[in-house]
């Protein structure tokens, strides 16, 4: 019985999800520091995957679109991190992997 339980846990926690992060250059987004960009900014983005991460096969995060929706014109010192939240893990376990939310945090500096 423990082999079946281990196999079930592996099936629920392993996914085939892909997130494509891109910029189409509608606003300047750079990884380097810029002298006049001193105000910290942070945006949380959540994407939902279904059926162990199989649907959709790829989610896209348009970095400049996410920032411009918040009224930000320029971003320097950009970074992105995946946030591991307990609630996301609980959702994946409770739904047997049918629903798997993923959270990302986009950070940087603006003027």
Protein backbone atom coordinates (compact mmCIF):
# COMPACT_ATOMS: atom_id res chain seq x y z
CA UNK A 1 0.00 0.00 0.00
CA UNK A 2 2.87 2.40 0.65
CA UNK A 3 4.10 2.00 -2.94
CA UNK A 4 0.72 3.12 -4.23
CA UNK A 5 0.74 6.08 -1.83
CA UNK A 6 4.23 7.12 -2.98
CA UNK A 7 3.21 6.78 -6.62
CA UNK A 8 0.12 8.90 -5.98
CA UNK A 9 2.17 11.65 -4.25
CA UNK A 10 4.64 11.69 -7.15
CA UNK A 11 1.81 11.97 -9.69
CA UNK A 12 0.18 14.86 -7.82
CA UNK A 13 3.37 16.87 -7.23
CA UNK A 14 5.03 16.42 -10.65
CA UNK A 15 3.81 18.61 -13.48
CA UNK A 16 4.70 19.36 -17.08
CA UNK A 17 3.87 23.06 -16.93
CA UNK A 18 5.83 25.70 -18.80
CA UNK A 19 5.76 29.45 -18.31
CA UNK A 20 7.18 31.66 -21.05
CA UNK A 21 8.36 35.04 -19.79
CA UNK A 22 8.93 37.67 -22.49
CA UNK A 23 9.02 41.36 -23.30
CA UNK A 24 7.85 42.96 -26.53
CA UNK A 25 9.71 46.23 -25.72
CA UNK A 26 6.61 48.41 -25.34
CA UNK A 27 8.24 49.88 -22.21
CA UNK A 28 11.93 49.71 -21.24
CA UNK A 29 12.59 46.71 -18.98
CA UNK A 30 16.26 46.10 -18.15
CA UNK A 31 18.17 43.86 -15.76
CA UNK A 32 20.80 46.50 -14.98
CA UNK A 33 20.59 49.24 -12.36
CA UNK A 34 19.67 52.72 -13.59
CA UNK A 35 20.62 55.77 -11.51
CA UNK A 36 17.23 57.55 -11.52
CA UNK A 37 15.19 54.38 -10.84
CA UNK A 38 14.97 54.32 -7.04
CA UNK A 39 11.37 53.34 -6.20
CA UNK A 40 10.86 49.61 -5.51
CA UNK A 41 7.99 47.92 -7.33
CA UNK A 42 6.58 44.43 -7.03
CA UNK A 43 3.76 42.72 -8.91
CA UNK A 44 2.36 39.27 -8.18
CA UNK A 45 1.13 37.27 -11.16
CA UNK A 46 -0.79 34.01 -10.85
CA UNK A 47 -1.32 31.44 -13.56
CA UNK A 48 -3.54 28.37 -13.28
CA UNK A 49 -2.66 24.97 -14.67
CA UNK A 50 -4.95 21.97 -14.91
CA UNK A 51 -4.55 18.19 -15.21
CA UNK A 52 -1.07 18.00 -13.60
CA UNK A 53 0.18 20.96 -15.59
CA UNK A 54 -0.78 19.59 -18.99
CA UNK A 55 -3.43 22.23 -19.76
CA UNK A 56 -2.48 24.76 -20.97
CA UNK A 57 0.87 23.48 -22.14
CA UNK A 58 2.41 26.98 -21.89
CA UNK A 59 1.43 30.13 -20.02
CA UNK A 60 2.86 33.45 -21.12
CA UNK A 61 3.79 36.41 -18.94
CA UNK A 62 4.35 39.62 -20.88
CA UNK A 63 6.56 41.55 -18.48
CA UNK A 64 6.04 44.97 -20.04
CA UNK A 65 2.28 44.41 -20.28
CA UNK A 66 2.05 43.50 -16.58
CA UNK A 67 3.99 46.61 -15.54
CA UNK A 68 2.22 48.99 -17.93
CA UNK A 69 -1.19 47.81 -16.61
CA UNK A 70 -0.05 49.14 -13.22
CA UNK A 71 0.89 52.51 -14.76
CA UNK A 72 4.65 51.93 -14.76
CA UNK A 73 6.58 53.41 -17.71
CA UNK A 74 10.09 52.03 -17.15
CA UNK A 75 11.63 49.22 -15.08
CA UNK A 76 15.27 48.69 -14.11
CA UNK A 77 16.95 46.01 -12.00
CA UNK A 78 14.22 43.57 -13.08
CA UNK A 79 13.92 40.10 -11.57
CA UNK A 80 11.30 37.38 -11.45
CA UNK A 81 10.82 34.67 -8.85
CA UNK A 82 8.37 31.84 -8.51
CA UNK A 83 6.61 32.06 -5.16
CA UNK A 84 5.92 28.77 -3.45
CA UNK A 85 2.78 29.20 -1.38
CA UNK A 86 1.26 26.61 0.92
CA UNK A 87 -2.20 27.28 -0.49
CA UNK A 88 -1.03 26.42 -4.02
CA UNK A 89 0.36 23.12 -2.75
CA UNK A 90 -2.84 22.42 -0.81
CA UNK A 91 -4.93 23.06 -3.93
CA UNK A 92 -2.77 20.65 -5.92
CA UNK A 93 -3.13 17.92 -3.28
CA UNK A 94 -6.83 18.52 -2.56
CA UNK A 95 -7.76 18.34 -6.24
CA UNK A 96 -5.39 15.45 -6.98
CA UNK A 97 -3.47 17.69 -9.39
CA UNK A 98 -6.47 18.70 -11.48
CA UNK A 99 -5.94 22.35 -10.43
CA UNK A 100 -2.43 23.72 -9.86
CA UNK A 101 -2.01 27.48 -9.34
CA UNK A 102 1.47 28.99 -9.68
CA UNK A 103 2.48 32.41 -8.41
CA UNK A 104 5.27 34.63 -9.74
CA UNK A 105 6.62 37.90 -8.35
CA UNK A 106 7.95 40.51 -10.77
CA UNK A 107 10.23 43.03 -9.02
CA UNK A 108 12.28 45.99 -10.09
CA UNK A 109 12.82 49.69 -9.65
CA UNK A 110 11.14 52.64 -11.34
CA UNK A 111 11.42 56.41 -11.12
